[in-house]
Structure formats: C-alpha cells, structure tokens
Amino acid sequence: MSMKNYMDTNKKTSSLSKADSLKKMGEFWDAHDFTEFDSESPDVKFDVTCAVPVEIDLLAQIEKQARLRGVSVETLVNLWLQQKIAESQSVKKGKYTQRTTQRQVAEKK
C-alpha cells in the first residue's frame, strides 16, 4: 500500500507537521528543520561499535586467552586496550613531570 493510499484510507495526519498529504508534509519539511522539534523527541541511548581487522593468528591467540579467563573476546580486547592506554598515559605524565621537575631545579640554581 502506498503512503498516499495509507493516509487517505486512515485519514491520519503527520504527528509534527499535522499535514494530511505527502505534498503538505514535503512543504512543511522544506520550511522546517527537525532540530526545531528536538525537545519533543525522546532521548535515545545507543552503543557505537566498530570492526577492526585482526590478523587471524593473533585472533586465535586472543580467543584462547579469553577462553582461559572465562570472558568474551570483546571483553578481553577492551580490557587490554584500556590497560594499554592507561600505561601510555601514565608514562607520558611521568616523563612530563620529570622534565618539568628538572627544569624547575635548573631554574633555581
């Protein structure tokens, strides 16, 4: 059933534009932006995922480690990545702090 027939049969109007035909709906949205009605829209929560290619041999090793730990591959990979980022950040902070301290000591001399 086409949208036009659906609307004619059910005599419904669009929830936002209150238009009763596709032409009127089109005219309404040509003149309006959805963000004008954003406060009326419910908040939606969603997770974003992405796929990262992993070498097949490496994936097999990760799967084995995940099984040994009793967690999913996704959980293990996320944990390892979080740990690596934390290590990287602490190393950067340590070097920066050490360099800053050395500069402060040299300035006092």
Protein backbone atom coordinates (compact mmCIF):
# COMPACT_ATOMS: atom_id res chain seq x y z
CA MET A 1 0.00 0.00 0.00
CA SER A 2 1.43 3.39 -0.93
CA MET A 3 1.81 6.14 1.66
CA LYS A 4 -0.83 8.22 -0.15
CA ASN A 5 -3.36 5.38 -0.05
CA TYR A 6 -2.48 4.68 3.59
CA MET A 7 -3.11 8.27 4.57
CA ASP A 8 -6.30 8.51 2.50
CA THR A 9 -7.64 5.28 3.99
CA ASN A 10 -6.85 6.13 7.60
CA LYS A 11 -7.38 9.91 7.42
CA LYS A 12 -4.31 10.43 9.59
CA THR A 13 -2.13 13.48 9.87
CA SER A 14 1.59 13.74 10.37
CA SER A 15 2.47 13.94 14.08
CA LEU A 16 4.65 17.06 13.77
CA SER A 17 3.50 18.87 10.67
CA LYS A 18 -0.18 18.00 11.11
CA ALA A 19 -0.19 17.63 7.32
CA ASP A 20 -2.73 15.29 5.82
CA SER A 21 -0.97 14.69 2.50
CA LEU A 22 2.51 13.85 1.32
CA LYS A 23 2.68 17.14 -0.59
CA LYS A 24 1.85 19.16 2.55
CA MET A 25 4.36 17.12 4.58
CA GLY A 26 7.04 17.87 1.97
CA GLU A 27 6.22 21.56 2.05
CA PHE A 28 6.35 21.56 5.85
CA TRP A 29 9.78 19.88 5.99
CA ASP A 30 11.10 22.13 3.22
CA ALA A 31 10.41 25.05 5.55
CA HIS A 32 11.37 23.42 8.90
CA ASP A 33 14.28 21.58 10.47
CA PHE A 34 13.94 18.60 12.80
CA THR A 35 16.01 20.38 15.46
CA GLU A 36 13.10 22.78 15.94
CA PHE A 37 11.21 19.85 17.45
CA ASP A 38 14.11 18.17 19.24
CA SER A 39 12.74 18.96 22.71
CA GLU A 40 9.64 16.93 21.89
CA SER A 41 11.68 13.90 20.90
CA PRO A 42 12.58 11.29 23.49
CA ASP A 43 16.27 10.79 24.27
CA VAL A 44 17.69 7.66 22.74
CA LYS A 45 20.64 5.78 24.15
CA PHE A 46 22.74 3.57 21.91
CA ASP A 47 26.15 1.97 21.77
CA VAL A 48 28.52 2.55 18.89
CA THR A 49 30.64 -0.34 17.77
CA CYS A 50 33.22 -0.71 15.07
CA ALA A 51 35.03 -3.58 13.45
CA VAL A 52 38.81 -3.67 13.48
CA PRO A 53 40.58 -6.22 11.30
CA VAL A 54 42.81 -8.53 13.33
CA GLU A 55 45.33 -10.97 11.90
CA ILE A 56 43.88 -14.49 12.00
CA ASP A 57 46.75 -15.95 14.08
CA LEU A 58 46.51 -13.10 16.57
CA LEU A 59 42.75 -13.56 16.82
CA ALA A 60 43.23 -17.26 17.57
CA GLN A 61 45.58 -16.36 20.43
CA ILE A 62 43.14 -13.77 21.78
CA GLU A 63 40.29 -16.29 21.63
CA LYS A 64 42.41 -18.80 23.56
CA GLN A 65 43.27 -16.21 26.24
CA ALA A 66 39.61 -15.19 26.51
CA ARG A 67 38.54 -18.82 27.00
CA LEU A 68 41.20 -19.31 29.69
CA ARG A 69 39.90 -16.24 31.53
CA GLY A 70 36.24 -17.11 31.02
CA VAL A 71 35.38 -13.86 29.25
CA SER A 72 34.35 -12.90 25.74
CA VAL A 73 36.89 -11.83 23.15
CA GLU A 74 35.31 -8.36 23.15
CA THR A 75 35.68 -8.02 26.92
CA LEU A 76 39.31 -9.14 26.88
CA VAL A 77 40.26 -6.86 23.97
CA ASN A 78 38.56 -3.87 25.61
CA LEU A 79 40.29 -4.59 28.92
CA TRP A 80 43.69 -4.92 27.28
CA LEU A 81 43.20 -1.71 25.27
CA GLN A 82 42.12 0.19 28.40
CA GLN A 83 45.20 -1.08 30.24
CA LYS A 84 47.50 -0.09 27.38
CA ILE A 85 46.03 3.40 27.21
CA ALA A 86 46.36 3.80 30.99
CA GLU A 87 50.01 2.70 30.81
CA SER A 88 50.67 5.08 27.94
CA GLN A 89 49.09 7.99 29.79
CA SER A 90 50.99 7.30 32.99
CA VAL A 91 54.30 7.11 31.08
CA LYS A 92 53.58 10.44 29.39
CA LYS A 93 52.62 12.03 32.70
CA GLY A 94 55.75 10.63 34.35
CA LYS A 95 58.06 11.99 31.65
CA TYR A 96 56.34 15.37 31.66
CA THR A 97 56.51 15.59 35.44
CA GLN A 98 60.16 14.54 35.48
CA ARG A 99 61.08 17.03 32.73
CA THR A 100 59.18 19.81 34.48
CA THR A 101 60.88 19.00 37.81
CA GLN A 102 64.31 19.01 36.18
CA ARG A 103 63.59 22.39 34.57
CA GLN A 104 62.38 23.83 37.88
CA VAL A 105 65.52 22.60 39.67
CA ALA A 106 67.75 24.09 36.94
CA GLU A 107 65.94 27.43 37.16
CA LYS A 108 66.53 27.57 40.93
CA LYS A 109 70.30 27.10 40.52
